[in-house]
Amino acid sequence: MQACREVVSGAVAAGGVCYSGEECISGDCGGELCSGSGCCPGVCSPSASSAGPVPIGSDCSQDIAGCVDGAFCSYSSMPPICQAKAAAGQPCDASSGSEECVAGTYCVASSASTGTCGTPPAEGQTCYPVTSGIACDSSLDFCDEGTLKCIRKIPPGGACPWGVGCVDYAICSSTGMCVAKGRAGDACDETNGPGCLGSLYCYSGTCAFPPATPVCQ
């Protein structure tokens, strides 16, 4: 929302070192690179526009200020234009999350590509499994592909026949069982699981923290 943009604004001028666009006056940090080993700095780009938010129906491809409140930059046409957000009950692109819907609603998927702006289903309600975004209202639940209902995530030791659905601290292994993610020093397997907790990475079969200082090229 534009109100949020006005509260938080970058202070680094064009040409200054940055690690994210939020640090720059222009809002654009060019050349920054983040990976498992950390982040390498970029350089603040010149401001692309000083005209402020783009009105509905106008080209938003080059304007970093974004669209006016109640609108989003739609790439369904070229060039992309600012389009009014859909109200509750109106159709939306299932991959858009909350971007295409008015504040307080989310694009609830009904197929791989279509959805309706509204509130994600609660536990026990009908849902559609999605590869990204929100399928259920609670982060404790997931959309079971067998029943198409929102159910509780599966703890370690439980079966995950669809390859998903484990609690956040576990992963579905190649054997179809939820396995707890490893802590620092625990064994790991990037291909078959288990993976590692939080910011840990699997290095040569062992969960470890990334190097303190990344190597920037």
C-alpha atoms as a PDB file:
ATOM      1  CA  MET A   1       0.000   0.000   0.000  1.00  0.00           C
ATOM      2  CA  GLN A   2       1.141   3.548  -0.674  1.00  0.00           C
ATOM      3  CA  ALA A   3       0.716   4.420   3.023  1.00  0.00           C
ATOM      4  CA  CYS A   4       3.384   1.830   3.869  1.00  0.00           C
ATOM      5  CA  ARG A   5       5.739   3.178   1.215  1.00  0.00           C
ATOM      6  CA  GLU A   6       5.478   6.614   2.772  1.00  0.00           C
ATOM      7  CA  VAL A   7       6.362   5.341   6.262  1.00  0.00           C
ATOM      8  CA  VAL A   8       9.454   3.397   5.147  1.00  0.00           C
ATOM      9  CA  SER A   9      11.727   4.951   2.518  1.00  0.00           C
ATOM     10  CA  GLY A  10      15.359   4.408   1.534  1.00  0.00           C
ATOM     11  CA  ALA A  11      18.116   6.912   2.249  1.00  0.00           C
ATOM     12  CA  VAL A  12      20.994   5.702   0.040  1.00  0.00           C
ATOM     13  CA  ALA A  13      21.496   7.774  -3.109  1.00  0.00           C
ATOM     14  CA  ALA A  14      22.171   6.436  -6.606  1.00  0.00           C
ATOM     15  CA  GLY A  15      25.604   4.805  -6.777  1.00  0.00           C
ATOM     16  CA  GLY A  16      25.690   3.945  -3.075  1.00  0.00           C
ATOM     17  CA  VAL A  17      26.252   0.440  -1.736  1.00  0.00           C
ATOM     18  CA  CYS A  18      23.102  -1.511  -0.854  1.00  0.00           C
ATOM     19  CA  TYR A  19      21.886  -4.978   0.063  1.00  0.00           C
ATOM     20  CA  SER A  20      18.201  -4.472  -0.776  1.00  0.00           C
ATOM     21  CA  GLY A  21      16.014  -2.022  -2.670  1.00  0.00           C
ATOM     22  CA  GLU A  22      14.470  -0.751   0.568  1.00  0.00           C
ATOM     23  CA  GLU A  23      17.778   0.943   1.408  1.00  0.00           C
ATOM     24  CA  CYS A  24      17.798   3.032  -1.787  1.00  0.00           C
ATOM     25  CA  ILE A  25      16.036   6.318  -2.462  1.00  0.00           C
ATOM     26  CA  SER A  26      15.094   4.880  -5.851  1.00  0.00           C
ATOM     27  CA  GLY A  27      13.890   1.611  -4.301  1.00  0.00           C
ATOM     28  CA  ASP A  28      16.115  -0.403  -6.658  1.00  0.00           C
ATOM     29  CA  CYS A  29      19.353  -2.117  -5.620  1.00  0.00           C
ATOM     30  CA  GLY A  30      21.026  -3.405  -8.777  1.00  0.00           C
ATOM     31  CA  GLY A  31      23.538  -6.247  -8.748  1.00  0.00           C
ATOM     32  CA  GLU A  32      22.940  -7.540  -5.219  1.00  0.00           C
ATOM     33  CA  LEU A  33      23.266 -11.301  -4.861  1.00  0.00           C
ATOM     34  CA  CYS A  34      22.055 -13.463  -2.000  1.00  0.00           C
ATOM     35  CA  SER A  35      22.631 -17.189  -1.669  1.00  0.00           C
ATOM     36  CA  GLY A  36      23.034 -19.835   0.996  1.00  0.00           C
ATOM     37  CA  SER A  37      26.392 -18.358   1.971  1.00  0.00           C
ATOM     38  CA  GLY A  38      25.140 -14.808   2.522  1.00  0.00           C
ATOM     39  CA  CYS A  39      24.621 -11.582   0.580  1.00  0.00           C
ATOM     40  CA  CYS A  40      26.945  -9.575  -1.622  1.00  0.00           C
ATOM     41  CA  PRO A  41      26.303  -5.837  -2.047  1.00  0.00           C
ATOM     42  CA  GLY A  42      24.850  -4.080  -5.049  1.00  0.00           C
ATOM     43  CA  VAL A  43      24.580  -0.424  -6.106  1.00  0.00           C
ATOM     44  CA  CYS A  44      21.538   1.808  -5.793  1.00  0.00           C
ATOM     45  CA  SER A  45      20.090   2.576  -9.219  1.00  0.00           C
ATOM     46  CA  PRO A  46      18.883   6.039 -10.252  1.00  0.00           C
ATOM     47  CA  SER A  47      15.203   6.725  -9.628  1.00  0.00           C
ATOM     48  CA  ALA A  48      13.109   5.368 -12.484  1.00  0.00           C
ATOM     49  CA  SER A  49      10.301   7.787 -11.863  1.00  0.00           C
ATOM     50  CA  SER A  50       9.461  10.716  -9.618  1.00  0.00           C
ATOM     51  CA  ALA A  51       5.859  10.951 -10.695  1.00  0.00           C
ATOM     52  CA  GLY A  52       4.550   8.819  -7.837  1.00  0.00           C
ATOM     53  CA  PRO A  53       2.128   5.879  -7.988  1.00  0.00           C
ATOM     54  CA  VAL A  54       0.768   4.894 -11.389  1.00  0.00           C
ATOM     55  CA  PRO A  55      -2.993   5.376 -11.970  1.00  0.00           C
ATOM     56  CA  ILE A  56      -5.299   2.560 -13.048  1.00  0.00           C
ATOM     57  CA  GLY A  57      -5.053   1.861 -16.784  1.00  0.00           C
ATOM     58  CA  SER A  58      -1.514   3.212 -17.136  1.00  0.00           C
ATOM     59  CA  ASP A  59       1.753   1.448 -17.974  1.00  0.00           C
ATOM     60  CA  CYS A  60       3.505   0.266 -14.804  1.00  0.00           C
ATOM     61  CA  SER A  61       6.448  -1.584 -16.383  1.00  0.00           C
ATOM     62  CA  GLN A  62       9.030   1.115 -15.635  1.00  0.00           C
ATOM     63  CA  ASP A  63       7.652   2.777 -12.509  1.00  0.00           C
ATOM     64  CA  ILE A  64       9.144   1.542  -9.239  1.00  0.00           C
ATOM     65  CA  ALA A  65       6.638   3.604  -7.208  1.00  0.00           C
ATOM     66  CA  GLY A  66       3.998   0.980  -8.002  1.00  0.00           C
ATOM     67  CA  CYS A  67       0.296   1.435  -8.623  1.00  0.00           C
ATOM     68  CA  VAL A  68      -2.105   3.618  -6.680  1.00  0.00           C
ATOM     69  CA  ASP A  69      -3.866   2.143  -3.644  1.00  0.00           C
ATOM     70  CA  GLY A  70      -6.433  -0.460  -4.604  1.00  0.00           C
ATOM     71  CA  ALA A  71      -4.596  -1.467  -7.783  1.00  0.00           C
ATOM     72  CA  PHE A  72      -1.830  -3.834  -8.867  1.00  0.00           C
ATOM     73  CA  CYS A  73       0.505  -4.132 -11.853  1.00  0.00           C
ATOM     74  CA  SER A  74      -1.065  -6.722 -14.164  1.00  0.00           C
ATOM     75  CA  TYR A  75       1.176  -8.567 -16.604  1.00  0.00           C
ATOM     76  CA  SER A  76      -1.722 -10.150 -18.482  1.00  0.00           C
ATOM     77  CA  SER A  77      -1.100  -7.585 -21.231  1.00  0.00           C
ATOM     78  CA  MET A  78       2.002  -5.996 -22.691  1.00  0.00           C
ATOM     79  CA  PRO A  79       2.987  -3.517 -21.619  1.00  0.00           C
ATOM     80  CA  PRO A  80       1.661  -4.290 -18.125  1.00  0.00           C
ATOM     81  CA  ILE A  81      -0.897  -1.838 -16.746  1.00  0.00           C
ATOM     82  CA  CYS A  82      -2.258  -0.966 -13.317  1.00  0.00           C
ATOM     83  CA  GLN A  83      -5.551  -2.764 -12.774  1.00  0.00           C
ATOM     84  CA  ALA A  84      -8.111  -2.377  -9.992  1.00  0.00           C
ATOM     85  CA  LYS A  85      -8.001  -5.145  -7.380  1.00  0.00           C
ATOM     86  CA  ALA A  86     -10.881  -7.619  -7.342  1.00  0.00           C
ATOM     87  CA  ALA A  87     -13.472  -7.536  -4.561  1.00  0.00           C
ATOM     88  CA  ALA A  88     -14.457 -10.552  -2.443  1.00  0.00           C
ATOM     89  CA  GLY A  89     -16.250 -13.131  -4.576  1.00  0.00           C
ATOM     90  CA  GLN A  90     -14.658 -12.015  -7.827  1.00  0.00           C
ATOM     91  CA  PRO A  91     -12.317 -14.249  -9.897  1.00  0.00           C
ATOM     92  CA  CYS A  92      -8.538 -13.983  -9.692  1.00  0.00           C
ATOM     93  CA  ASP A  93      -5.359 -15.747 -10.810  1.00  0.00           C
ATOM     94  CA  ALA A  94      -4.632 -18.598  -8.360  1.00  0.00           C
ATOM     95  CA  SER A  95      -0.904 -17.829  -8.397  1.00  0.00           C
ATOM     96  CA  SER A  96      -1.351 -14.171  -7.412  1.00  0.00           C
ATOM     97  CA  GLY A  97      -1.810 -14.684  -3.676  1.00  0.00           C
ATOM     98  CA  SER A  98      -3.271 -11.486  -2.240  1.00  0.00           C
ATOM     99  CA  GLU A  99      -1.877  -9.169  -4.949  1.00  0.00           C
ATOM    100  CA  GLU A 100      -5.001  -9.156  -7.160  1.00  0.00           C
ATOM    101  CA  CYS A 101      -7.553  -9.007  -4.316  1.00  0.00           C
ATOM    102  CA  VAL A 102      -8.705  -6.118  -2.137  1.00  0.00           C
ATOM    103  CA  ALA A 103      -7.193  -5.787   1.323  1.00  0.00           C
ATOM    104  CA  GLY A 104      -8.311  -8.462   3.763  1.00  0.00           C
ATOM    105  CA  THR A 105      -8.930 -11.094   1.077  1.00  0.00           C
ATOM    106  CA  TYR A 106      -6.795 -13.695  -0.677  1.00  0.00           C
ATOM    107  CA  CYS A 107      -7.054 -15.483  -4.020  1.00  0.00           C
ATOM    108  CA  VAL A 108      -8.391 -18.878  -2.931  1.00  0.00           C
ATOM    109  CA  ALA A 109      -7.528 -21.463  -5.604  1.00  0.00           C
ATOM    110  CA  SER A 110     -10.225 -23.608  -7.204  1.00  0.00           C
ATOM    111  CA  SER A 111      -7.881 -25.011  -9.880  1.00  0.00           C
ATOM    112  CA  ALA A 112      -4.225 -24.705 -10.818  1.00  0.00           C
ATOM    113  CA  SER A 113      -4.848 -21.321 -12.452  1.00  0.00           C
ATOM    114  CA  THR A 114      -8.206 -19.953 -11.268  1.00  0.00           C
ATOM    115  CA  GLY A 115      -9.458 -18.756  -7.927  1.00  0.00           C
ATOM    116  CA  THR A 116     -11.847 -16.434  -6.106  1.00  0.00           C
ATOM    117  CA  CYS A 117     -11.016 -13.556  -3.785  1.00  0.00           C
ATOM    118  CA  GLY A 118     -12.057 -14.415  -0.250  1.00  0.00           C
ATOM    119  CA  THR A 119     -10.907 -16.104   2.948  1.00  0.00           C
ATOM    120  CA  PRO A 120      -8.843 -19.318   2.710  1.00  0.00           C
ATOM    121  CA  PRO A 121     -10.693 -22.423   3.970  1.00  0.00           C
ATOM    122  CA  ALA A 122     -10.522 -23.440   7.621  1.00  0.00           C
ATOM    123  CA  GLU A 123      -9.670 -26.894   8.948  1.00  0.00           C
ATOM    124  CA  GLY A 124     -12.131 -29.469   7.624  1.00  0.00           C
ATOM    125  CA  GLN A 125     -13.321 -27.282   4.756  1.00  0.00           C
ATOM    126  CA  THR A 126     -12.891 -28.007   1.050  1.00  0.00           C
ATOM    127  CA  CYS A 127      -9.653 -26.763  -0.494  1.00  0.00           C
ATOM    128  CA  TYR A 128      -7.493 -27.032  -3.585  1.00  0.00           C
ATOM    129  CA  PRO A 129      -3.810 -28.042  -3.222  1.00  0.00           C
ATOM    130  CA  VAL A 130      -1.398 -25.415  -4.505  1.00  0.00           C
ATOM    131  CA  THR A 131       2.359 -25.610  -5.040  1.00  0.00           C
ATOM    132  CA  SER A 132       2.860 -22.077  -3.716  1.00  0.00           C
ATOM    133  CA  GLY A 133       0.833 -19.612  -1.682  1.00  0.00           C
ATOM    134  CA  ILE A 134      -1.876 -20.377   0.870  1.00  0.00           C
ATOM    135  CA  ALA A 135      -4.260 -23.323   0.547  1.00  0.00           C
ATOM    136  CA  CYS A 136      -5.664 -23.226   4.099  1.00  0.00           C
ATOM    137  CA  ASP A 137      -6.390 -20.437   6.558  1.00  0.00           C
ATOM    138  CA  SER A 138      -4.164 -21.848   9.333  1.00  0.00           C
ATOM    139  CA  SER A 139      -0.422 -22.357   8.938  1.00  0.00           C
ATOM    140  CA  LEU A 140      -0.886 -25.528  11.010  1.00  0.00           C
ATOM    141  CA  ASP A 141      -2.954 -27.116   8.222  1.00  0.00           C
ATOM    142  CA  PHE A 142      -2.413 -28.225   4.633  1.00  0.00           C
ATOM    143  CA  CYS A 143      -4.712 -29.237   1.787  1.00  0.00           C
ATOM    144  CA  ASP A 144      -4.804 -33.041   1.627  1.00  0.00           C
ATOM    145  CA  GLU A 145      -4.822 -34.176  -2.022  1.00  0.00           C
ATOM    146  CA  GLY A 146      -6.722 -37.340  -1.144  1.00  0.00           C
ATOM    147  CA  THR A 147      -9.716 -35.742   0.575  1.00  0.00           C
ATOM    148  CA  LEU A 148      -9.372 -32.143  -0.719  1.00  0.00           C
ATOM    149  CA  LYS A 149      -9.902 -30.978   2.857  1.00  0.00           C
ATOM    150  CA  CYS A 150      -7.722 -28.808   5.081  1.00  0.00           C
ATOM    151  CA  ILE A 151      -6.219 -31.072   7.756  1.00  0.00           C
ATOM    152  CA  ARG A 152      -3.450 -30.809  10.353  1.00  0.00           C
ATOM    153  CA  LYS A 153       0.114 -31.074   9.098  1.00  0.00           C
ATOM    154  CA  ILE A 154       1.749 -34.465   9.588  1.00  0.00           C
ATOM    155  CA  PRO A 155       4.318 -34.945  12.411  1.00  0.00           C
ATOM    156  CA  PRO A 156       7.594 -36.898  12.026  1.00  0.00           C
ATOM    157  CA  GLY A 157       6.909 -40.601  11.574  1.00  0.00           C
ATOM    158  CA  GLY A 158       3.616 -40.030   9.765  1.00  0.00           C
ATOM    159  CA  ALA A 159       2.958 -40.983   6.153  1.00  0.00           C
ATOM    160  CA  CYS A 160       3.009 -38.269   3.458  1.00  0.00           C
ATOM    161  CA  PRO A 161       1.862 -40.126   0.310  1.00  0.00           C
ATOM    162  CA  TRP A 162       1.501 -36.912  -1.704  1.00  0.00           C
ATOM    163  CA  GLY A 163       5.026 -35.749  -0.970  1.00  0.00           C
ATOM    164  CA  VAL A 164       3.854 -32.741   1.056  1.00  0.00           C
ATOM    165  CA  GLY A 165       2.013 -31.951   4.260  1.00  0.00           C
ATOM    166  CA  CYS A 166       4.675 -32.434   6.946  1.00  0.00           C
ATOM    167  CA  VAL A 167       4.975 -30.031   9.891  1.00  0.00           C
ATOM    168  CA  ASP A 168       7.398 -27.185   9.241  1.00  0.00           C
ATOM    169  CA  TYR A 169      10.252 -28.834  11.151  1.00  0.00           C
ATOM    170  CA  ALA A 170      10.033 -32.025   9.056  1.00  0.00           C
ATOM    171  CA  ILE A 171      10.262 -33.030   5.401  1.00  0.00           C
ATOM    172  CA  CYS A 172       8.609 -35.752   3.339  1.00  0.00           C
ATOM    173  CA  SER A 173      11.335 -38.265   2.479  1.00  0.00           C
ATOM    174  CA  SER A 174      11.616 -40.416  -0.636  1.00  0.00           C
ATOM    175  CA  THR A 175      10.051 -43.257   1.371  1.00  0.00           C
ATOM    176  CA  GLY A 176       6.832 -41.280   1.850  1.00  0.00           C
ATOM    177  CA  MET A 177       7.342 -40.607   5.559  1.00  0.00           C
ATOM    178  CA  CYS A 178       7.743 -37.289   7.399  1.00  0.00           C
ATOM    179  CA  VAL A 179      11.275 -37.050   8.818  1.00  0.00           C
ATOM    180  CA  ALA A 180      12.444 -34.370  11.268  1.00  0.00           C
ATOM    181  CA  LYS A 181      14.888 -31.866   9.786  1.00  0.00           C
ATOM    182  CA  GLY A 182      18.403 -31.984  11.170  1.00  0.00           C
ATOM    183  CA  ARG A 183      20.085 -29.685  13.670  1.00  0.00           C
ATOM    184  CA  ALA A 184      23.700 -28.485  13.398  1.00  0.00           C
ATOM    185  CA  GLY A 185      25.933 -31.538  13.176  1.00  0.00           C
ATOM    186  CA  ASP A 186      23.146 -33.935  12.214  1.00  0.00           C
ATOM    187  CA  ALA A 187      23.314 -36.042   9.067  1.00  0.00           C
ATOM    188  CA  CYS A 188      21.354 -34.804   6.040  1.00  0.00           C
ATOM    189  CA  ASP A 189      20.564 -35.815   2.484  1.00  0.00           C
ATOM    190  CA  GLU A 190      19.550 -33.114  -0.024  1.00  0.00           C
ATOM    191  CA  THR A 191      18.018 -35.672  -2.385  1.00  0.00           C
ATOM    192  CA  ASN A 192      16.148 -38.104  -0.157  1.00  0.00           C
ATOM    193  CA  GLY A 193      15.937 -36.190   3.135  1.00  0.00           C
ATOM    194  CA  PRO A 194      16.121 -35.293   5.846  1.00  0.00           C
ATOM    195  CA  GLY A 195      16.944 -31.656   5.217  1.00  0.00           C
ATOM    196  CA  CYS A 196      18.165 -29.129   7.788  1.00  0.00           C
ATOM    197  CA  LEU A 197      16.397 -26.742  10.142  1.00  0.00           C
ATOM    198  CA  GLY A 198      16.139 -22.976   9.668  1.00  0.00           C
ATOM    199  CA  SER A 199      19.194 -21.308   8.137  1.00  0.00           C
ATOM    200  CA  LEU A 200      21.282 -24.498   8.256  1.00  0.00           C
ATOM    201  CA  TYR A 201      22.449 -26.007   4.975  1.00  0.00           C
ATOM    202  CA  CYS A 202      23.416 -29.531   4.017  1.00  0.00           C
ATOM    203  CA  TYR A 203      27.192 -29.529   3.391  1.00  0.00           C
ATOM    204  CA  SER A 204      28.738 -32.881   2.489  1.00  0.00           C
ATOM    205  CA  GLY A 205      26.013 -34.779   4.300  1.00  0.00           C
ATOM    206  CA  THR A 206      26.044 -32.733   7.520  1.00  0.00           C
ATOM    207  CA  CYS A 207      23.817 -29.848   8.642  1.00  0.00           C
ATOM    208  CA  ALA A 208      25.934 -26.740   9.211  1.00  0.00           C
ATOM    209  CA  PHE A 209      25.730 -22.955   9.298  1.00  0.00           C
ATOM    210  CA  PRO A 210      26.827 -21.031   6.186  1.00  0.00           C
ATOM    211  CA  PRO A 211      30.214 -19.259   6.300  1.00  0.00           C
ATOM    212  CA  ALA A 212      30.188 -16.033   8.308  1.00  0.00           C
ATOM    213  CA  THR A 213      31.672 -14.028   5.440  1.00  0.00           C
ATOM    214  CA  PRO A 214      30.425 -14.712   1.897  1.00  0.00           C
ATOM    215  CA  VAL A 215      32.856 -14.678  -0.994  1.00  0.00           C
ATOM    216  CA  CYS A 216      31.748 -11.945  -3.433  1.00  0.00           C
ATOM    217  CA  GLN A 217      32.815 -12.136  -7.041  1.00  0.00           C
END
